[in-house]
Each structure stands twice: as structure tokens, then as C-alpha cells.
């Protein structure tokens, strides 16, 4: 009887120790990695352009945008393009975080694979 009581007390003590030791634990979600590259600042204002007639019914208009070359922004004029099957155009993204400016490339995105081609 004494052995059974000791085992019960030991089991209760172990459960209490585990329960109280995990109460103070905090699980932090890792921050998502910073996307894009650090650039010198925001891009200039977009250039106004005229949209010509499409060359074909399958053509998609890609609006002109500022592209980061690694040293400076360069204007990529708006143009008609033939998208790869099943993709949509995603324009570049310019953002500011933690006092820094970031540039993320645009491209044709396959929604089913969540990737830019």
C-alpha cells in the first residue's frame, strides 16, 4: 500500500512539475524573411504613356514600371506581352520597412504554383 501511495504521489508531482514548467513558455513565430532587395529610396513617379492597340487578342498590357538595376532605377516602358499559359502579371512592389526601402521584382505569376516566372 505504501509503495502504491508513493508511486501515486510521484506521478502527481511529475504531472504538476511538467504543467508548471510549461506555463511560462512562450512560442514566438519566426518573422517572415524580408522580401526584395534594399534600394536607395522610392522610385520616381511613373512616366505617363499612351497604350497602343494590342497586336493580338491574346496580348496583355504590362504597365510601365521602375526597375531596380542594382545601382539605380530604370524605366521599363509599358508594352504588350504574351503571357505564359495560366499566369497573371504582378507588378514590382516598392515598400519601406524599418527605415529601409525595398524593391521586389515583378513578373508573370502562376497562381497554382505561387511562383513568379
N, C-alpha and C. Protein backbone atom coordinates (compact mmCIF):
# COMPACT_ATOMS: atom_id res chain seq x y z
N UNK A 1 0.82 -1.18 0.00
CA UNK A 1 0.00 0.00 0.00
C UNK A 1 0.87 1.25 0.00
N UNK A 2 1.94 1.19 0.81
CA UNK A 2 2.84 2.33 0.90
C UNK A 2 3.53 2.60 -0.44
N UNK A 3 3.91 1.53 -1.18
CA UNK A 3 4.56 1.66 -2.48
C UNK A 3 3.59 2.28 -3.47
N UNK A 4 2.32 1.87 -3.48
CA UNK A 4 1.33 2.41 -4.40
C UNK A 4 1.09 3.89 -4.11
N UNK A 5 1.05 4.26 -2.84
CA UNK A 5 0.86 5.66 -2.46
C UNK A 5 2.06 6.49 -2.90
N UNK A 6 3.25 5.96 -2.73
CA UNK A 6 4.46 6.67 -3.16
C UNK A 6 4.47 6.87 -4.67
N UNK A 7 4.04 5.85 -5.43
CA UNK A 7 4.00 5.95 -6.89
C UNK A 7 2.97 6.98 -7.33
N UNK A 8 1.83 7.01 -6.65
CA UNK A 8 0.78 7.97 -6.98
C UNK A 8 1.28 9.38 -6.71
N UNK A 9 1.93 9.60 -5.57
CA UNK A 9 2.46 10.91 -5.23
C UNK A 9 3.56 11.33 -6.21
N UNK A 10 4.38 10.39 -6.60
CA UNK A 10 5.45 10.67 -7.56
C UNK A 10 4.85 11.06 -8.92
N UNK A 11 3.82 10.34 -9.36
CA UNK A 11 3.16 10.64 -10.63
C UNK A 11 2.52 12.02 -10.58
N UNK A 12 1.81 12.34 -9.48
CA UNK A 12 1.19 13.66 -9.33
C UNK A 12 2.24 14.77 -9.31
N UNK A 13 3.33 14.52 -8.62
CA UNK A 13 4.40 15.52 -8.56
C UNK A 13 5.00 15.75 -9.94
N UNK A 14 5.17 14.69 -10.72
CA UNK A 14 5.72 14.82 -12.07
C UNK A 14 4.77 15.60 -12.97
N UNK A 15 3.48 15.28 -12.90
CA UNK A 15 2.49 15.99 -13.71
C UNK A 15 2.47 17.46 -13.32
N UNK A 16 2.50 17.77 -12.03
CA UNK A 16 2.50 19.16 -11.58
C UNK A 16 3.74 19.90 -12.04
N UNK A 17 4.88 19.23 -11.99
CA UNK A 17 6.13 19.85 -12.43
C UNK A 17 6.09 20.17 -13.92
N UNK A 18 5.62 19.22 -14.72
CA UNK A 18 5.53 19.43 -16.17
C UNK A 18 4.53 20.55 -16.46
N UNK A 19 3.40 20.55 -15.80
CA UNK A 19 2.37 21.57 -16.04
C UNK A 19 2.88 22.96 -15.69
N UNK A 20 3.55 23.11 -14.57
CA UNK A 20 4.02 24.44 -14.17
C UNK A 20 5.24 24.88 -14.97
N UNK A 21 6.04 23.95 -15.42
CA UNK A 21 7.23 24.36 -16.19
C UNK A 21 6.87 24.83 -17.59
N UNK A 22 5.77 24.33 -18.15
CA UNK A 22 5.39 24.75 -19.50
C UNK A 22 4.51 25.99 -19.48
N UNK A 23 4.00 26.38 -18.33
CA UNK A 23 3.13 27.56 -18.26
C UNK A 23 3.88 28.83 -18.62
N UNK A 24 5.15 28.90 -18.34
CA UNK A 24 5.92 30.10 -18.61
C UNK A 24 6.54 30.13 -20.00
N UNK A 25 6.35 29.08 -20.78
CA UNK A 25 6.93 29.02 -22.10
C UNK A 25 6.18 29.94 -23.07
N UNK A 26 6.91 30.62 -23.91
CA UNK A 26 6.32 31.47 -24.93
C UNK A 26 6.87 31.00 -26.27
N UNK A 27 5.98 30.74 -27.19
CA UNK A 27 6.40 30.33 -28.52
C UNK A 27 6.29 31.54 -29.43
N UNK A 28 7.40 31.94 -30.01
CA UNK A 28 7.42 33.07 -30.93
C UNK A 28 7.45 32.53 -32.35
N UNK A 29 6.53 33.05 -33.17
CA UNK A 29 6.55 32.71 -34.58
C UNK A 29 7.75 33.40 -35.21
N UNK A 30 8.51 32.69 -36.02
CA UNK A 30 9.63 33.37 -36.67
C UNK A 30 9.09 34.42 -37.64
N UNK A 31 9.78 35.56 -37.70
CA UNK A 31 9.37 36.60 -38.63
C UNK A 31 9.60 36.12 -40.05
N UNK A 32 8.69 36.50 -40.93
CA UNK A 32 8.88 36.12 -42.33
C UNK A 32 10.11 36.85 -42.85
N UNK A 33 10.87 36.19 -43.71
CA UNK A 33 12.08 36.83 -44.23
C UNK A 33 11.73 38.08 -45.04
N UNK A 34 12.59 39.06 -44.97
CA UNK A 34 12.39 40.28 -45.74
C UNK A 34 12.45 39.93 -47.22
N UNK A 35 11.44 40.39 -47.93
CA UNK A 35 11.39 40.12 -49.36
C UNK A 35 11.96 41.30 -50.11
N UNK A 36 12.57 41.03 -51.25
CA UNK A 36 13.11 42.08 -52.08
C UNK A 36 14.53 42.42 -51.72
N UNK A 37 15.03 43.47 -52.37
CA UNK A 37 16.39 43.94 -52.12
C UNK A 37 16.33 45.36 -51.58
N UNK A 38 17.30 45.71 -50.76
CA UNK A 38 17.37 47.06 -50.22
C UNK A 38 17.82 47.99 -51.34
N UNK A 39 17.10 49.11 -51.49
CA UNK A 39 17.42 50.09 -52.53
C UNK A 39 17.64 51.45 -51.89
N UNK A 40 18.09 52.40 -52.69
CA UNK A 40 18.45 53.72 -52.15
C UNK A 40 17.26 54.58 -51.75
N UNK A 41 16.09 54.26 -52.23
CA UNK A 41 14.90 55.05 -51.90
C UNK A 41 13.75 54.65 -52.80
N UNK A 42 12.65 55.37 -52.68
CA UNK A 42 11.50 55.03 -53.52
C UNK A 42 11.77 55.38 -54.97
N UNK A 43 11.02 54.78 -55.89
CA UNK A 43 11.23 55.10 -57.31
C UNK A 43 10.65 56.46 -57.65
N UNK A 44 11.09 57.04 -58.78
CA UNK A 44 10.47 58.29 -59.25
C UNK A 44 8.99 58.04 -59.59
N UNK A 45 8.29 59.11 -59.87
CA UNK A 45 6.89 58.99 -60.28
C UNK A 45 6.81 58.23 -61.60
N UNK A 46 5.73 57.48 -61.80
CA UNK A 46 5.58 56.76 -63.08
C UNK A 46 5.55 57.73 -64.26
N UNK A 47 6.03 57.25 -65.39
CA UNK A 47 6.03 58.03 -66.63
C UNK A 47 4.67 57.82 -67.30
N UNK A 48 4.05 58.91 -67.76
CA UNK A 48 2.76 58.79 -68.46
C UNK A 48 3.02 58.26 -69.87
N UNK A 49 2.25 57.25 -70.24
CA UNK A 49 2.43 56.64 -71.55
C UNK A 49 1.07 56.40 -72.22
N UNK A 50 1.10 56.39 -73.52
CA UNK A 50 -0.08 56.04 -74.30
C UNK A 50 -0.05 54.54 -74.56
N UNK A 51 -1.21 53.90 -74.48
CA UNK A 51 -1.30 52.47 -74.76
C UNK A 51 -1.71 52.27 -76.21
N UNK A 52 -0.82 51.69 -77.02
CA UNK A 52 -1.20 51.44 -78.42
C UNK A 52 -2.18 50.26 -78.51
N UNK A 53 -2.72 50.06 -79.68
CA UNK A 53 -3.62 48.94 -79.90
C UNK A 53 -2.87 47.62 -79.73
N UNK A 54 -3.55 46.58 -79.19
CA UNK A 54 -2.88 45.29 -78.99
C UNK A 54 -2.55 44.62 -80.32
N UNK A 55 -1.41 43.92 -80.36
CA UNK A 55 -1.03 43.22 -81.59
C UNK A 55 -1.88 41.97 -81.83
N UNK A 56 -2.46 41.40 -80.75
CA UNK A 56 -3.32 40.22 -80.90
C UNK A 56 -4.31 40.17 -79.74
N UNK A 57 -5.34 39.35 -79.89
CA UNK A 57 -6.36 39.23 -78.85
C UNK A 57 -5.80 38.58 -77.58
N UNK A 58 -4.72 37.84 -77.70
CA UNK A 58 -4.12 37.17 -76.53
C UNK A 58 -3.14 38.05 -75.77
N UNK A 59 -2.80 39.21 -76.33
CA UNK A 59 -1.81 40.09 -75.70
C UNK A 59 -2.36 40.72 -74.42
N UNK A 60 -1.47 40.91 -73.47
CA UNK A 60 -1.80 41.53 -72.19
C UNK A 60 -0.93 42.77 -72.02
N UNK A 61 -1.54 43.89 -71.61
CA UNK A 61 -0.79 45.12 -71.41
C UNK A 61 -0.06 45.07 -70.07
N UNK A 62 1.23 45.28 -70.11
CA UNK A 62 2.06 45.38 -68.91
C UNK A 62 2.37 46.85 -68.74
N UNK A 63 1.85 47.45 -67.68
CA UNK A 63 2.04 48.87 -67.43
C UNK A 63 3.52 49.15 -67.18
N UNK A 64 4.02 50.28 -67.66
CA UNK A 64 5.41 50.66 -67.44
C UNK A 64 5.71 50.76 -65.94
N UNK A 65 6.96 50.49 -65.58
CA UNK A 65 7.35 50.50 -64.17
C UNK A 65 8.83 50.81 -64.02
N UNK A 66 9.20 51.23 -62.82
CA UNK A 66 10.60 51.47 -62.49
C UNK A 66 11.21 50.17 -62.00
N UNK A 67 12.30 49.76 -62.63
CA UNK A 67 13.03 48.53 -62.28
C UNK A 67 14.35 48.92 -61.62
N UNK A 68 14.69 48.25 -60.53
CA UNK A 68 15.97 48.50 -59.85
C UNK A 68 17.06 47.71 -60.56
N UNK A 69 18.10 48.40 -61.05
CA UNK A 69 19.17 47.76 -61.80
C UNK A 69 20.29 47.22 -60.92
N UNK A 70 20.24 47.55 -59.64
CA UNK A 70 21.33 47.20 -58.73
C UNK A 70 22.06 48.45 -58.29
N UNK A 71 21.90 49.55 -59.07
CA UNK A 71 22.53 50.83 -58.73
C UNK A 71 21.53 51.98 -58.79
N UNK A 72 20.53 51.84 -59.65
CA UNK A 72 19.56 52.92 -59.83
C UNK A 72 18.29 52.35 -60.45
N UNK A 73 17.26 53.20 -60.51
CA UNK A 73 16.02 52.80 -61.17
C UNK A 73 16.11 53.08 -62.66
N UNK A 74 15.55 52.19 -63.45
CA UNK A 74 15.46 52.37 -64.90
C UNK A 74 14.00 52.15 -65.30
N UNK A 75 13.47 53.04 -66.15
CA UNK A 75 12.10 52.92 -66.59
C UNK A 75 11.94 51.82 -67.62
N UNK A 76 11.02 50.89 -67.37
CA UNK A 76 10.67 49.85 -68.33
C UNK A 76 9.34 50.30 -68.93
N UNK A 77 9.33 50.67 -70.21
CA UNK A 77 8.10 51.19 -70.81
C UNK A 77 6.98 50.14 -70.83
N UNK A 78 5.75 50.64 -70.78
CA UNK A 78 4.60 49.76 -70.91
C UNK A 78 4.66 49.06 -72.25
N UNK A 79 4.18 47.83 -72.29
CA UNK A 79 4.25 47.06 -73.54
C UNK A 79 3.22 45.93 -73.53
N UNK A 80 2.90 45.47 -74.72
CA UNK A 80 2.04 44.30 -74.87
C UNK A 80 2.91 43.07 -74.76
N UNK A 81 2.41 42.05 -74.08
CA UNK A 81 3.19 40.83 -73.89
C UNK A 81 2.27 39.62 -74.05
N UNK A 82 2.85 38.49 -74.40
CA UNK A 82 2.11 37.22 -74.49
C UNK A 82 2.39 36.46 -73.20
N UNK A 83 1.41 36.38 -72.31
CA UNK A 83 1.67 35.71 -71.02
C UNK A 83 1.85 34.21 -71.18
N UNK A 84 2.71 33.62 -70.36
CA UNK A 84 2.78 32.16 -70.34
C UNK A 84 1.40 31.61 -69.91
N UNK A 85 1.01 30.47 -70.40
CA UNK A 85 -0.31 29.92 -70.07
C UNK A 85 -0.54 29.82 -68.55
N UNK A 86 -1.71 30.26 -68.13
CA UNK A 86 -2.10 30.14 -66.72
C UNK A 86 -1.47 31.14 -65.78
N UNK A 87 -0.88 32.22 -66.32
CA UNK A 87 -0.21 33.18 -65.46
C UNK A 87 -0.89 34.55 -65.51
N UNK A 88 -0.59 35.36 -64.51
CA UNK A 88 -1.05 36.75 -64.48
C UNK A 88 0.16 37.63 -64.17
N UNK A 89 0.10 38.88 -64.63
CA UNK A 89 1.21 39.81 -64.41
C UNK A 89 1.12 40.38 -63.00
N UNK A 90 2.21 40.36 -62.29
CA UNK A 90 2.34 41.00 -60.98
C UNK A 90 3.39 42.09 -61.10
N UNK A 91 2.96 43.33 -60.90
CA UNK A 91 3.88 44.46 -61.00
C UNK A 91 4.90 44.42 -59.86
N UNK A 92 6.05 45.07 -60.05
CA UNK A 92 7.02 45.15 -58.97
C UNK A 92 6.40 45.84 -57.75
N UNK A 93 6.96 45.54 -56.58
CA UNK A 93 6.47 46.13 -55.33
C UNK A 93 7.59 46.96 -54.72
N UNK A 94 7.24 48.18 -54.33
CA UNK A 94 8.17 49.08 -53.66
C UNK A 94 7.62 49.28 -52.25
N UNK A 95 8.46 49.11 -51.23
CA UNK A 95 7.97 49.27 -49.87
C UNK A 95 9.06 49.83 -48.97
N UNK A 96 8.64 50.32 -47.80
CA UNK A 96 9.56 50.83 -46.79
C UNK A 96 9.28 50.08 -45.50
N UNK A 97 10.34 49.53 -44.90
CA UNK A 97 10.23 48.82 -43.62
C UNK A 97 11.46 49.12 -42.79
N UNK A 98 11.23 49.41 -41.54
CA UNK A 98 12.33 49.64 -40.60
C UNK A 98 13.33 50.68 -41.11
N UNK A 99 12.82 51.72 -41.75
CA UNK A 99 13.68 52.80 -42.23
C UNK A 99 14.45 52.47 -43.50
N UNK A 100 14.16 51.36 -44.14
CA UNK A 100 14.84 50.97 -45.38
C UNK A 100 13.81 50.83 -46.49
N UNK A 101 14.25 51.04 -47.72
CA UNK A 101 13.40 50.86 -48.90
C UNK A 101 13.73 49.54 -49.57
N UNK A 102 12.68 48.86 -50.02
CA UNK A 102 12.86 47.55 -50.65
C UNK A 102 12.20 47.54 -52.02
N UNK A 103 12.77 46.76 -52.92
CA UNK A 103 12.22 46.55 -54.26
C UNK A 103 12.07 45.05 -54.47
N UNK A 104 10.87 44.63 -54.91
CA UNK A 104 10.62 43.23 -55.25
C UNK A 104 10.28 43.17 -56.73
N UNK A 105 10.97 42.31 -57.46
CA UNK A 105 10.73 42.15 -58.90
C UNK A 105 9.28 41.80 -59.19
N UNK A 106 8.82 42.23 -60.33
CA UNK A 106 7.53 41.79 -60.84
C UNK A 106 7.75 40.62 -61.77
N UNK A 107 6.68 40.11 -62.31
CA UNK A 107 6.80 39.03 -63.28
C UNK A 107 5.49 38.31 -63.47
N UNK A 108 5.52 37.32 -64.32
CA UNK A 108 4.34 36.50 -64.58
C UNK A 108 4.22 35.48 -63.47
N UNK A 109 3.08 35.48 -62.78
CA UNK A 109 2.89 34.61 -61.64
C UNK A 109 1.89 33.51 -61.97
N UNK A 110 2.27 32.29 -61.62
CA UNK A 110 1.39 31.13 -61.79
C UNK A 110 0.67 30.93 -60.45
N UNK A 111 -0.61 31.29 -60.36
CA UNK A 111 -1.33 31.20 -59.09
C UNK A 111 -1.36 29.78 -58.51
N UNK A 112 -1.34 28.78 -59.35
CA UNK A 112 -1.40 27.42 -58.84
C UNK A 112 -0.09 26.99 -58.18
N UNK A 113 1.00 27.62 -58.60
CA UNK A 113 2.31 27.27 -58.00
C UNK A 113 2.85 28.38 -57.13
N UNK A 114 2.15 29.53 -57.12
CA UNK A 114 2.53 30.66 -56.30
C UNK A 114 3.98 31.08 -56.56
N UNK A 115 4.38 31.06 -57.82
CA UNK A 115 5.75 31.42 -58.18
C UNK A 115 5.74 32.40 -59.34
N UNK A 116 6.77 33.23 -59.38
CA UNK A 116 6.92 34.19 -60.48
C UNK A 116 7.90 33.60 -61.49
N UNK A 117 7.52 33.68 -62.76
CA UNK A 117 8.38 33.16 -63.82
C UNK A 117 9.22 34.26 -64.40
